[in-house]
mmCIF file of all heavy atoms, coordinates in Angstrom:
data_MODEL
# 
_entry.id   MODEL 
# 
loop_
_atom_site.group_PDB 
_atom_site.id 
_atom_site.type_symbol 
_atom_site.label_atom_id 
_atom_site.label_alt_id 
_atom_site.label_comp_id 
_atom_site.label_asym_id 
_atom_site.label_entity_id 
_atom_site.label_seq_id 
_atom_site.pdbx_PDB_ins_code 
_atom_site.Cartn_x 
_atom_site.Cartn_y 
_atom_site.Cartn_z 
_atom_site.occupancy 
_atom_site.B_iso_or_equiv 
_atom_site.pdbx_formal_charge 
_atom_site.auth_seq_id 
_atom_site.auth_comp_id 
_atom_site.auth_asym_id 
_atom_site.auth_atom_id 
_atom_site.pdbx_PDB_model_num 
ATOM 1   N N   . ARG A 1 1  ? -8.771  -2.804  -3.003 1.00 0.00 ? 1  ARG A N   1 
ATOM 2   C CA  . ARG A 1 1  ? -9.905  -3.642  -3.396 1.00 0.00 ? 1  ARG A CA  1 
ATOM 3   C C   . ARG A 1 1  ? -9.467  -4.819  -4.260 1.00 0.00 ? 1  ARG A C   1 
ATOM 4   O O   . ARG A 1 1  ? -10.135 -5.841  -4.313 1.00 0.00 ? 1  ARG A O   1 
ATOM 5   C CB  . ARG A 1 1  ? -10.959 -2.810  -4.104 1.00 0.00 ? 1  ARG A CB  1 
ATOM 6   C CG  . ARG A 1 1  ? -11.768 -1.974  -3.137 1.00 0.00 ? 1  ARG A CG  1 
ATOM 7   C CD  . ARG A 1 1  ? -12.969 -1.336  -3.807 1.00 0.00 ? 1  ARG A CD  1 
ATOM 8   N NE  . ARG A 1 1  ? -12.662 -0.128  -4.545 1.00 0.00 ? 1  ARG A NE  1 
ATOM 9   C CZ  . ARG A 1 1  ? -12.549 1.082   -4.015 1.00 0.00 ? 1  ARG A CZ  1 
ATOM 10  N NH1 . ARG A 1 1  ? -12.701 1.250   -2.723 1.00 0.00 ? 1  ARG A NH1 1 
ATOM 11  N NH2 . ARG A 1 1  ? -12.290 2.128   -4.758 1.00 0.00 ? 1  ARG A NH2 1 
ATOM 12  N N   . ASP A 1 2  ? -8.329  -4.687  -4.931 1.00 0.00 ? 2  ASP A N   1 
ATOM 13  C CA  . ASP A 1 2  ? -7.762  -5.791  -5.698 1.00 0.00 ? 2  ASP A CA  1 
ATOM 14  C C   . ASP A 1 2  ? -7.021  -6.675  -4.709 1.00 0.00 ? 2  ASP A C   1 
ATOM 15  O O   . ASP A 1 2  ? -5.918  -6.371  -4.286 1.00 0.00 ? 2  ASP A O   1 
ATOM 16  C CB  . ASP A 1 2  ? -6.809  -5.255  -6.766 1.00 0.00 ? 2  ASP A CB  1 
ATOM 17  C CG  . ASP A 1 2  ? -6.129  -6.359  -7.555 1.00 0.00 ? 2  ASP A CG  1 
ATOM 18  O OD1 . ASP A 1 2  ? -6.474  -7.544  -7.346 1.00 0.00 ? 2  ASP A OD1 1 
ATOM 19  O OD2 . ASP A 1 2  ? -5.260  -6.044  -8.374 1.00 0.00 ? 2  ASP A OD2 1 
ATOM 20  N N   . ASN A 1 3  ? -7.633  -7.781  -4.296 1.00 0.00 ? 3  ASN A N   1 
ATOM 21  C CA  . ASN A 1 3  ? -7.092  -8.625  -3.232 1.00 0.00 ? 3  ASN A CA  1 
ATOM 22  C C   . ASN A 1 3  ? -5.716  -9.199  -3.534 1.00 0.00 ? 3  ASN A C   1 
ATOM 23  O O   . ASN A 1 3  ? -5.043  -9.678  -2.637 1.00 0.00 ? 3  ASN A O   1 
ATOM 24  C CB  . ASN A 1 3  ? -8.063  -9.766  -2.914 1.00 0.00 ? 3  ASN A CB  1 
ATOM 25  C CG  . ASN A 1 3  ? -9.297  -9.257  -2.224 1.00 0.00 ? 3  ASN A CG  1 
ATOM 26  O OD1 . ASN A 1 3  ? -9.271  -8.228  -1.564 1.00 0.00 ? 3  ASN A OD1 1 
ATOM 27  N ND2 . ASN A 1 3  ? -10.385 -9.976  -2.383 1.00 0.00 ? 3  ASN A ND2 1 
ATOM 28  N N   . SER A 1 4  ? -5.299  -9.183  -4.797 1.00 0.00 ? 4  SER A N   1 
ATOM 29  C CA  . SER A 1 4  ? -3.997  -9.754  -5.132 1.00 0.00 ? 4  SER A CA  1 
ATOM 30  C C   . SER A 1 4  ? -2.855  -8.774  -4.883 1.00 0.00 ? 4  SER A C   1 
ATOM 31  O O   . SER A 1 4  ? -1.693  -9.133  -4.984 1.00 0.00 ? 4  SER A O   1 
ATOM 32  C CB  . SER A 1 4  ? -3.976  -10.204 -6.594 1.00 0.00 ? 4  SER A CB  1 
ATOM 33  O OG  . SER A 1 4  ? -4.077  -9.069  -7.448 1.00 0.00 ? 4  SER A OG  1 
ATOM 34  N N   . ARG A 1 5  ? -3.175  -7.533  -4.556 1.00 0.00 ? 5  ARG A N   1 
ATOM 35  C CA  . ARG A 1 5  ? -2.158  -6.492  -4.353 1.00 0.00 ? 5  ARG A CA  1 
ATOM 36  C C   . ARG A 1 5  ? -1.700  -6.467  -2.909 1.00 0.00 ? 5  ARG A C   1 
ATOM 37  O O   . ARG A 1 5  ? -2.506  -6.366  -1.995 1.00 0.00 ? 5  ARG A O   1 
ATOM 38  C CB  . ARG A 1 5  ? -2.720  -5.117  -4.718 1.00 0.00 ? 5  ARG A CB  1 
ATOM 39  C CG  . ARG A 1 5  ? -3.320  -4.988  -6.108 1.00 0.00 ? 5  ARG A CG  1 
ATOM 40  C CD  . ARG A 1 5  ? -2.275  -5.069  -7.210 1.00 0.00 ? 5  ARG A CD  1 
ATOM 41  N NE  . ARG A 1 5  ? -1.260  -4.057  -7.126 1.00 0.00 ? 5  ARG A NE  1 
ATOM 42  C CZ  . ARG A 1 5  ? -1.306  -2.884  -7.744 1.00 0.00 ? 5  ARG A CZ  1 
ATOM 43  N NH1 . ARG A 1 5  ? -2.331  -2.581  -8.480 1.00 0.00 ? 5  ARG A NH1 1 
ATOM 44  N NH2 . ARG A 1 5  ? -0.330  -2.030  -7.603 1.00 0.00 ? 5  ARG A NH2 1 
ATOM 45  N N   . THR A 1 6  ? -0.399  -6.539  -2.690 1.00 0.00 ? 6  THR A N   1 
ATOM 46  C CA  . THR A 1 6  ? 0.137   -6.434  -1.341 1.00 0.00 ? 6  THR A CA  1 
ATOM 47  C C   . THR A 1 6  ? 0.414   -4.967  -1.025 1.00 0.00 ? 6  THR A C   1 
ATOM 48  O O   . THR A 1 6  ? 0.428   -4.114  -1.916 1.00 0.00 ? 6  THR A O   1 
ATOM 49  C CB  . THR A 1 6  ? 1.450   -7.223  -1.194 1.00 0.00 ? 6  THR A CB  1 
ATOM 50  O OG1 . THR A 1 6  ? 2.455   -6.602  -2.008 1.00 0.00 ? 6  THR A OG1 1 
ATOM 51  C CG2 . THR A 1 6  ? 1.269   -8.685  -1.582 1.00 0.00 ? 6  THR A CG2 1 
ATOM 52  N N   . ILE A 1 7  ? 0.657   -4.716  0.245  1.00 0.00 ? 7  ILE A N   1 
ATOM 53  C CA  . ILE A 1 7  ? 1.004   -3.356  0.665  1.00 0.00 ? 7  ILE A CA  1 
ATOM 54  C C   . ILE A 1 7  ? 2.258   -2.899  -0.070 1.00 0.00 ? 7  ILE A C   1 
ATOM 55  O O   . ILE A 1 7  ? 2.344   -1.755  -0.531 1.00 0.00 ? 7  ILE A O   1 
ATOM 56  C CB  . ILE A 1 7  ? 1.192   -3.297  2.198  1.00 0.00 ? 7  ILE A CB  1 
ATOM 57  C CG1 . ILE A 1 7  ? -0.169  -3.404  2.887  1.00 0.00 ? 7  ILE A CG1 1 
ATOM 58  C CG2 . ILE A 1 7  ? 1.901   -2.023  2.632  1.00 0.00 ? 7  ILE A CG2 1 
ATOM 59  C CD1 . ILE A 1 7  ? -0.113  -3.449  4.401  1.00 0.00 ? 7  ILE A CD1 1 
ATOM 60  N N   . ARG A 1 8  ? 3.223   -3.787  -0.219 1.00 0.00 ? 8  ARG A N   1 
ATOM 61  C CA  . ARG A 1 8  ? 4.470   -3.431  -0.916 1.00 0.00 ? 8  ARG A CA  1 
ATOM 62  C C   . ARG A 1 8  ? 4.206   -3.106  -2.390 1.00 0.00 ? 8  ARG A C   1 
ATOM 63  O O   . ARG A 1 8  ? 4.814   -2.181  -2.939 1.00 0.00 ? 8  ARG A O   1 
ATOM 64  C CB  . ARG A 1 8  ? 5.483   -4.559  -0.790 1.00 0.00 ? 8  ARG A CB  1 
ATOM 65  C CG  . ARG A 1 8  ? 6.025   -4.707  0.612  1.00 0.00 ? 8  ARG A CG  1 
ATOM 66  C CD  . ARG A 1 8  ? 7.027   -5.859  0.689  1.00 0.00 ? 8  ARG A CD  1 
ATOM 67  N NE  . ARG A 1 8  ? 7.332   -6.208  2.040  1.00 0.00 ? 8  ARG A NE  1 
ATOM 68  C CZ  . ARG A 1 8  ? 8.312   -5.676  2.753  1.00 0.00 ? 8  ARG A CZ  1 
ATOM 69  N NH1 . ARG A 1 8  ? 9.063   -4.751  2.226  1.00 0.00 ? 8  ARG A NH1 1 
ATOM 70  N NH2 . ARG A 1 8  ? 8.526   -6.055  3.994  1.00 0.00 ? 8  ARG A NH2 1 
ATOM 71  N N   . ASP A 1 9  ? 3.320   -3.872  -3.029 1.00 0.00 ? 9  ASP A N   1 
ATOM 72  C CA  . ASP A 1 9  ? 2.975   -3.590  -4.433 1.00 0.00 ? 9  ASP A CA  1 
ATOM 73  C C   . ASP A 1 9  ? 2.369   -2.196  -4.572 1.00 0.00 ? 9  ASP A C   1 
ATOM 74  O O   . ASP A 1 9  ? 2.737   -1.432  -5.469 1.00 0.00 ? 9  ASP A O   1 
ATOM 75  C CB  . ASP A 1 9  ? 1.958   -4.607  -4.967 1.00 0.00 ? 9  ASP A CB  1 
ATOM 76  C CG  . ASP A 1 9  ? 2.513   -6.012  -5.106 1.00 0.00 ? 9  ASP A CG  1 
ATOM 77  O OD1 . ASP A 1 9  ? 3.743   -6.167  -5.175 1.00 0.00 ? 9  ASP A OD1 1 
ATOM 78  O OD2 . ASP A 1 9  ? 1.691   -6.953  -5.140 1.00 0.00 ? 9  ASP A OD2 1 
ATOM 79  N N   . ILE A 1 10 ? 1.433   -1.907  -3.686 1.00 0.00 ? 10 ILE A N   1 
ATOM 80  C CA  . ILE A 1 10 ? 0.760   -0.606  -3.727 1.00 0.00 ? 10 ILE A CA  1 
ATOM 81  C C   . ILE A 1 10 ? 1.759   0.515   -3.461 1.00 0.00 ? 10 ILE A C   1 
ATOM 82  O O   . ILE A 1 10 ? 1.772   1.543   -4.154 1.00 0.00 ? 10 ILE A O   1 
ATOM 83  C CB  . ILE A 1 10 ? -0.415  -0.563  -2.731 1.00 0.00 ? 10 ILE A CB  1 
ATOM 84  C CG1 . ILE A 1 10 ? -1.499  -1.574  -3.156 1.00 0.00 ? 10 ILE A CG1 1 
ATOM 85  C CG2 . ILE A 1 10 ? -0.997  0.844   -2.613 1.00 0.00 ? 10 ILE A CG2 1 
ATOM 86  C CD1 . ILE A 1 10 ? -2.579  -1.805  -2.105 1.00 0.00 ? 10 ILE A CD1 1 
ATOM 87  N N   . ALA A 1 11 ? 2.625   0.313   -2.469 1.00 0.00 ? 11 ALA A N   1 
ATOM 88  C CA  . ALA A 1 11 ? 3.632   1.326   -2.135 1.00 0.00 ? 11 ALA A CA  1 
ATOM 89  C C   . ALA A 1 11 ? 4.549   1.585   -3.325 1.00 0.00 ? 11 ALA A C   1 
ATOM 90  O O   . ALA A 1 11 ? 4.858   2.746   -3.648 1.00 0.00 ? 11 ALA A O   1 
ATOM 91  C CB  . ALA A 1 11 ? 4.438   0.893   -0.918 1.00 0.00 ? 11 ALA A CB  1 
ATOM 92  N N   . ALA A 1 12 ? 4.971   0.526   -3.996 1.00 0.00 ? 12 ALA A N   1 
ATOM 93  C CA  . ALA A 1 12 ? 5.850   0.682   -5.158 1.00 0.00 ? 12 ALA A CA  1 
ATOM 94  C C   . ALA A 1 12 ? 5.147   1.465   -6.267 1.00 0.00 ? 12 ALA A C   1 
ATOM 95  O O   . ALA A 1 12 ? 5.744   2.346   -6.889 1.00 0.00 ? 12 ALA A O   1 
ATOM 96  C CB  . ALA A 1 12 ? 6.297   -0.686  -5.666 1.00 0.00 ? 12 ALA A CB  1 
ATOM 97  N N   . GLU A 1 13 ? 3.880   1.155   -6.493 1.00 0.00 ? 13 GLU A N   1 
ATOM 98  C CA  . GLU A 1 13 ? 3.144   1.858   -7.551 1.00 0.00 ? 13 GLU A CA  1 
ATOM 99  C C   . GLU A 1 13 ? 2.960   3.334   -7.232 1.00 0.00 ? 13 GLU A C   1 
ATOM 100 O O   . GLU A 1 13 ? 3.061   4.179   -8.112 1.00 0.00 ? 13 GLU A O   1 
ATOM 101 C CB  . GLU A 1 13 ? 1.776   1.204   -7.776 1.00 0.00 ? 13 GLU A CB  1 
ATOM 102 C CG  . GLU A 1 13 ? 0.997   1.888   -8.893 1.00 0.00 ? 13 GLU A CG  1 
ATOM 103 C CD  . GLU A 1 13 ? -0.216  1.115   -9.338 1.00 0.00 ? 13 GLU A CD  1 
ATOM 104 O OE1 . GLU A 1 13 ? -0.173  -0.128  -9.310 1.00 0.00 ? 13 GLU A OE1 1 
ATOM 105 O OE2 . GLU A 1 13 ? -1.199  1.762   -9.729 1.00 0.00 ? 13 GLU A OE2 1 
ATOM 106 N N   . LEU A 1 14 ? 2.706   3.635   -5.957 1.00 0.00 ? 14 LEU A N   1 
ATOM 107 C CA  . LEU A 1 14 ? 2.464   5.029   -5.570 1.00 0.00 ? 14 LEU A CA  1 
ATOM 108 C C   . LEU A 1 14 ? 3.748   5.787   -5.243 1.00 0.00 ? 14 LEU A C   1 
ATOM 109 O O   . LEU A 1 14 ? 3.716   7.004   -5.052 1.00 0.00 ? 14 LEU A O   1 
ATOM 110 C CB  . LEU A 1 14 ? 1.523   5.078   -4.363 1.00 0.00 ? 14 LEU A CB  1 
ATOM 111 C CG  . LEU A 1 14 ? 0.130   4.492   -4.584 1.00 0.00 ? 14 LEU A CG  1 
ATOM 112 C CD1 . LEU A 1 14 ? -0.691  4.577   -3.316 1.00 0.00 ? 14 LEU A CD1 1 
ATOM 113 C CD2 . LEU A 1 14 ? -0.576  5.197   -5.724 1.00 0.00 ? 14 LEU A CD2 1 
ATOM 114 N N   . GLY A 1 15 ? 4.863   5.072   -5.134 1.00 0.00 ? 15 GLY A N   1 
ATOM 115 C CA  . GLY A 1 15 ? 6.131   5.718   -4.840 1.00 0.00 ? 15 GLY A CA  1 
ATOM 116 C C   . GLY A 1 15 ? 6.245   6.200   -3.402 1.00 0.00 ? 15 GLY A C   1 
ATOM 117 O O   . GLY A 1 15 ? 6.866   7.239   -3.131 1.00 0.00 ? 15 GLY A O   1 
ATOM 118 N N   . VAL A 1 16 ? 5.630   5.451   -2.470 1.00 0.00 ? 16 VAL A N   1 
ATOM 119 C CA  . VAL A 1 16 ? 5.696   5.798   -1.050 1.00 0.00 ? 16 VAL A CA  1 
ATOM 120 C C   . VAL A 1 16 ? 6.183   4.574   -0.280 1.00 0.00 ? 16 VAL A C   1 
ATOM 121 O O   . VAL A 1 16 ? 6.242   3.474   -0.819 1.00 0.00 ? 16 VAL A O   1 
ATOM 122 C CB  . VAL A 1 16 ? 4.326   6.260   -0.498 1.00 0.00 ? 16 VAL A CB  1 
ATOM 123 C CG1 . VAL A 1 16 ? 3.865   7.542   -1.186 1.00 0.00 ? 16 VAL A CG1 1 
ATOM 124 C CG2 . VAL A 1 16 ? 3.268   5.177   -0.635 1.00 0.00 ? 16 VAL A CG2 1 
ATOM 125 N N   . HIS A 1 17 ? 6.515   4.779   0.980  1.00 0.00 ? 17 HIS A N   1 
ATOM 126 C CA  . HIS A 1 17 ? 6.965   3.681   1.834  1.00 0.00 ? 17 HIS A CA  1 
ATOM 127 C C   . HIS A 1 17 ? 5.773   2.803   2.192  1.00 0.00 ? 17 HIS A C   1 
ATOM 128 O O   . HIS A 1 17 ? 4.641   3.270   2.281  1.00 0.00 ? 17 HIS A O   1 
ATOM 129 C CB  . HIS A 1 17 ? 7.612   4.257   3.106  1.00 0.00 ? 17 HIS A CB  1 
ATOM 130 C CG  . HIS A 1 17 ? 8.362   3.241   3.892  1.00 0.00 ? 17 HIS A CG  1 
ATOM 131 N ND1 . HIS A 1 17 ? 7.762   2.463   4.849  1.00 0.00 ? 17 HIS A ND1 1 
ATOM 132 C CD2 . HIS A 1 17 ? 9.661   2.854   3.844  1.00 0.00 ? 17 HIS A CD2 1 
ATOM 133 C CE1 . HIS A 1 17 ? 8.662   1.649   5.368  1.00 0.00 ? 17 HIS A CE1 1 
ATOM 134 N NE2 . HIS A 1 17 ? 9.823   1.865   4.778  1.00 0.00 ? 17 HIS A NE2 1 
ATOM 135 N N   . LYS A 1 18 ? 6.026   1.510   2.398  1.00 0.00 ? 18 LYS A N   1 
ATOM 136 C CA  . LYS A 1 18 ? 4.953   0.567   2.729  1.00 0.00 ? 18 LYS A CA  1 
ATOM 137 C C   . LYS A 1 18 ? 4.217   0.965   3.997  1.00 0.00 ? 18 LYS A C   1 
ATOM 138 O O   . LYS A 1 18 ? 3.019   0.728   4.124  1.00 0.00 ? 18 LYS A O   1 
ATOM 139 C CB  . LYS A 1 18 ? 5.483   -0.855  2.843  1.00 0.00 ? 18 LYS A CB  1 
ATOM 140 C CG  . LYS A 1 18 ? 6.429   -1.078  4.003  1.00 0.00 ? 18 LYS A CG  1 
ATOM 141 C CD  . LYS A 1 18 ? 6.903   -2.504  4.077  1.00 0.00 ? 18 LYS A CD  1 
ATOM 142 C CE  . LYS A 1 18 ? 7.863   -2.728  5.201  1.00 0.00 ? 18 LYS A CE  1 
ATOM 143 N NZ  . LYS A 1 18 ? 7.418   -2.357  6.516  1.00 0.00 ? 18 LYS A NZ  1 
ATOM 144 N N   . ASP A 1 19 ? 4.910   1.609   4.945  1.00 0.00 ? 19 ASP A N   1 
ATOM 145 C CA  . ASP A 1 19 ? 4.255   2.039   6.180  1.00 0.00 ? 19 ASP A CA  1 
ATOM 146 C C   . ASP A 1 19 ? 3.196   3.111   5.911  1.00 0.00 ? 19 ASP A C   1 
ATOM 147 O O   . ASP A 1 19 ? 2.190   3.182   6.609  1.00 0.00 ? 19 ASP A O   1 
ATOM 148 C CB  . ASP A 1 19 ? 5.277   2.565   7.187  1.00 0.00 ? 19 ASP A CB  1 
ATOM 149 C CG  . ASP A 1 19 ? 6.180   1.459   7.724  1.00 0.00 ? 19 ASP A CG  1 
ATOM 150 O OD1 . ASP A 1 19 ? 5.832   0.272   7.558  1.00 0.00 ? 19 ASP A OD1 1 
ATOM 151 O OD2 . ASP A 1 19 ? 7.236   1.786   8.289  1.00 0.00 ? 19 ASP A OD2 1 
ATOM 152 N N   . VAL A 1 20 ? 3.427   3.938   4.897  1.00 0.00 ? 20 VAL A N   1 
ATOM 153 C CA  . VAL A 1 20 ? 2.447   4.962   4.527  1.00 0.00 ? 20 VAL A CA  1 
ATOM 154 C C   . VAL A 1 20 ? 1.178   4.280   4.019  1.00 0.00 ? 20 VAL A C   1 
ATOM 155 O O   . VAL A 1 20 ? 0.064   4.645   4.397  1.00 0.00 ? 20 VAL A O   1 
ATOM 156 C CB  . VAL A 1 20 ? 3.024   5.927   3.462  1.00 0.00 ? 20 VAL A CB  1 
ATOM 157 C CG1 . VAL A 1 20 ? 1.961   6.865   2.923  1.00 0.00 ? 20 VAL A CG1 1 
ATOM 158 C CG2 . VAL A 1 20 ? 4.195   6.719   4.044  1.00 0.00 ? 20 VAL A CG2 1 
ATOM 159 N N   . VAL A 1 21 ? 1.352   3.257   3.183  1.00 0.00 ? 21 VAL A N   1 
ATOM 160 C CA  . VAL A 1 21 ? 0.197   2.527   2.647  1.00 0.00 ? 21 VAL A CA  1 
ATOM 161 C C   . VAL A 1 21 ? -0.537  1.820   3.785  1.00 0.00 ? 21 VAL A C   1 
ATOM 162 O O   . VAL A 1 21 ? -1.769  1.861   3.856  1.00 0.00 ? 21 VAL A O   1 
ATOM 163 C CB  . VAL A 1 21 ? 0.635   1.520   1.564  1.00 0.00 ? 21 VAL A CB  1 
ATOM 164 C CG1 . VAL A 1 21 ? -0.541  0.649   1.114  1.00 0.00 ? 21 VAL A CG1 1 
ATOM 165 C CG2 . VAL A 1 21 ? 1.240   2.255   0.389  1.00 0.00 ? 21 VAL A CG2 1 
ATOM 166 N N   . TYR A 1 22 ? 0.211   1.196   4.684  1.00 0.00 ? 22 TYR A N   1 
ATOM 167 C CA  . TYR A 1 22 ? -0.401  0.515   5.826  1.00 0.00 ? 22 TYR A CA  1 
ATOM 168 C C   . TYR A 1 22 ? -1.239  1.496   6.639  1.00 0.00 ? 22 TYR A C   1 
ATOM 169 O O   . TYR A 1 22 ? -2.388  1.215   6.975  1.00 0.00 ? 22 TYR A O   1 
ATOM 170 C CB  . TYR A 1 22 ? 0.695   -0.119  6.690  1.00 0.00 ? 22 TYR A CB  1 
ATOM 171 C CG  . TYR A 1 22 ? 0.172   -0.800  7.928  1.00 0.00 ? 22 TYR A CG  1 
ATOM 172 C CD1 . TYR A 1 22 ? -0.479  -2.022  7.850  1.00 0.00 ? 22 TYR A CD1 1 
ATOM 173 C CD2 . TYR A 1 22 ? 0.323   -0.209  9.168  1.00 0.00 ? 22 TYR A CD2 1 
ATOM 174 C CE1 . TYR A 1 22 ? -0.963  -2.645  8.986  1.00 0.00 ? 22 TYR A CE1 1 
ATOM 175 C CE2 . TYR A 1 22 ? -0.159  -0.827  10.310 1.00 0.00 ? 22 TYR A CE2 1 
ATOM 176 C CZ  . TYR A 1 22 ? -0.798  -2.043  10.211 1.00 0.00 ? 22 TYR A CZ  1 
ATOM 177 O OH  . TYR A 1 22 ? -1.281  -2.644  11.337 1.00 0.00 ? 22 TYR A OH  1 
ATOM 178 N N   . ARG A 1 23 ? -0.679  2.669   6.942  1.00 0.00 ? 23 ARG A N   1 
ATOM 179 C CA  . ARG A 1 23 ? -1.413  3.699   7.700  1.00 0.00 ? 23 ARG A CA  1 
ATOM 180 C C   . ARG A 1 23 ? -2.643  4.168   6.937  1.00 0.00 ? 23 ARG A C   1 
ATOM 181 O O   . ARG A 1 23 ? -3.721  4.327   7.508  1.00 0.00 ? 23 ARG A O   1 
ATOM 182 C CB  . ARG A 1 23 ? -0.484  4.886   7.990  1.00 0.00 ? 23 ARG A CB  1 
ATOM 183 C CG  . ARG A 1 23 ? -0.135  5.049   9.425  1.00 0.00 ? 23 ARG A CG  1 
ATOM 184 C CD  . ARG A 1 23 ? 0.662   6.303   9.729  1.00 0.00 ? 23 ARG A CD  1 
ATOM 185 N NE  . ARG A 1 23 ? 1.433   6.899   8.656  1.00 0.00 ? 23 ARG A NE  1 
ATOM 186 C CZ  . ARG A 1 23 ? 2.710   6.633   8.395  1.00 0.00 ? 23 ARG A CZ  1 
ATOM 187 N NH1 . ARG A 1 23 ? 3.364   5.775   9.125  1.00 0.00 ? 23 ARG A NH1 1 
ATOM 188 N NH2 . ARG A 1 23 ? 3.320   7.230   7.406  1.00 0.00 ? 23 ARG A NH2 1 
ATOM 189 N N   . ASP A 1 24 ? -2.480  4.382   5.641  1.00 0.00 ? 24 ASP A N   1 
ATOM 190 C CA  . ASP A 1 24 ? -3.620  4.823   4.833  1.00 0.00 ? 24 ASP A CA  1 
ATOM 191 C C   . ASP A 1 24 ? -4.735  3.782   4.848  1.00 0.00 ? 24 ASP A C   1 
ATOM 192 O O   . ASP A 1 24 ? -5.915  4.133   4.920  1.00 0.00 ? 24 ASP A O   1 
ATOM 193 C CB  . ASP A 1 24 ? -3.191  5.102   3.383  1.00 0.00 ? 24 ASP A CB  1 
ATOM 194 C CG  . ASP A 1 24 ? -2.415  6.395   3.234  1.00 0.00 ? 24 ASP A CG  1 
ATOM 195 O OD1 . ASP A 1 24 ? -2.346  7.185   4.205  1.00 0.00 ? 24 ASP A OD1 1 
ATOM 196 O OD2 . ASP A 1 24 ? -1.860  6.621   2.139  1.00 0.00 ? 24 ASP A OD2 1 
ATOM 197 N N   . ARG A 1 25 ? -4.376  2.508   4.792  1.00 0.00 ? 25 ARG A N   1 
ATOM 198 C CA  . ARG A 1 25 ? -5.393  1.460   4.834  1.00 0.00 ? 25 ARG A CA  1 
ATOM 199 C C   . ARG A 1 25 ? -6.126  1.466   6.170  1.00 0.00 ? 25 ARG A C   1 
ATOM 200 O O   . ARG A 1 25 ? -7.341  1.299   6.219  1.00 0.00 ? 25 ARG A O   1 
ATOM 201 C CB  . ARG A 1 25 ? -4.760  0.093   4.575  1.00 0.00 ? 25 ARG A CB  1 
ATOM 202 C CG  . ARG A 1 25 ? -4.349  -0.078  3.110  1.00 0.00 ? 25 ARG A CG  1 
ATOM 203 C CD  . ARG A 1 25 ? -3.581  -1.327  2.860  1.00 0.00 ? 25 ARG A CD  1 
ATOM 204 N NE  . ARG A 1 25 ? -4.440  -2.500  2.936  1.00 0.00 ? 25 ARG A NE  1 
ATOM 205 C CZ  . ARG A 1 25 ? -4.040  -3.717  2.629  1.00 0.00 ? 25 ARG A CZ  1 
ATOM 206 N NH1 . ARG A 1 25 ? -2.818  -3.933  2.224  1.00 0.00 ? 25 ARG A NH1 1 
ATOM 207 N NH2 . ARG A 1 25 ? -4.872  -4.731  2.723  1.00 0.00 ? 25 ARG A NH2 1 
ATOM 208 N N   . LEU A 1 26 ? -5.384  1.670   7.244  1.00 0.00 ? 26 LEU A N   1 
ATOM 209 C CA  . LEU A 1 26 ? -6.018  1.740   8.562  1.00 0.00 ? 26 LEU A CA  1 
ATOM 210 C C   . LEU A 1 26 ? -6.946  2.946   8.656  1.00 0.00 ? 26 LEU A C   1 
ATOM 211 O O   . LEU A 1 26 ? -8.059  2.838   9.178  1.00 0.00 ? 26 LEU A O   1 
ATOM 212 C CB  . LEU A 1 26 ? -4.961  1.809   9.665  1.00 0.00 ? 26 LEU A CB  1 
ATOM 213 C CG  . LEU A 1 26 ? -4.160  0.534   9.900  1.00 0.00 ? 26 LEU A CG  1 
ATOM 214 C CD1 . LEU A 1 26 ? -3.097  0.773   10.964 1.00 0.00 ? 26 LEU A CD1 1 
ATOM 215 C CD2 . LEU A 1 26 ? -5.055  -0.617  10.291 1.00 0.00 ? 26 LEU A CD2 1 
ATOM 216 N N   . VAL A 1 27 ? -6.489  4.091   8.173  1.00 0.00 ? 27 VAL A N   1 
ATOM 217 C CA  . VAL A 1 27 ? -7.320  5.297   8.196  1.00 0.00 ? 27 VAL A CA  1 
ATOM 218 C C   . VAL A 1 27 ? -8.566  5.083   7.347  1.00 0.00 ? 27 VAL A C   1 
ATOM 219 O O   . VAL A 1 27 ? -9.683  5.432   7.755  1.00 0.00 ? 27 VAL A O   1 
ATOM 220 C CB  . VAL A 1 27 ? -6.525  6.535   7.720  1.00 0.00 ? 27 VAL A CB  1 
ATOM 221 C CG1 . VAL A 1 27 ? -7.434  7.719   7.469  1.00 0.00 ? 27 VAL A CG1 1 
ATOM 222 C CG2 . VAL A 1 27 ? -5.444  6.891   8.735  1.00 0.00 ? 27 VAL A CG2 1 
# 
């Protein structure tokens, strides 16, 4: 919801791969 956050930023914060975040966003 924070539009300034990229998938890579979110992945780094959560400690997961960017592909996991991408999939989670799609789901």
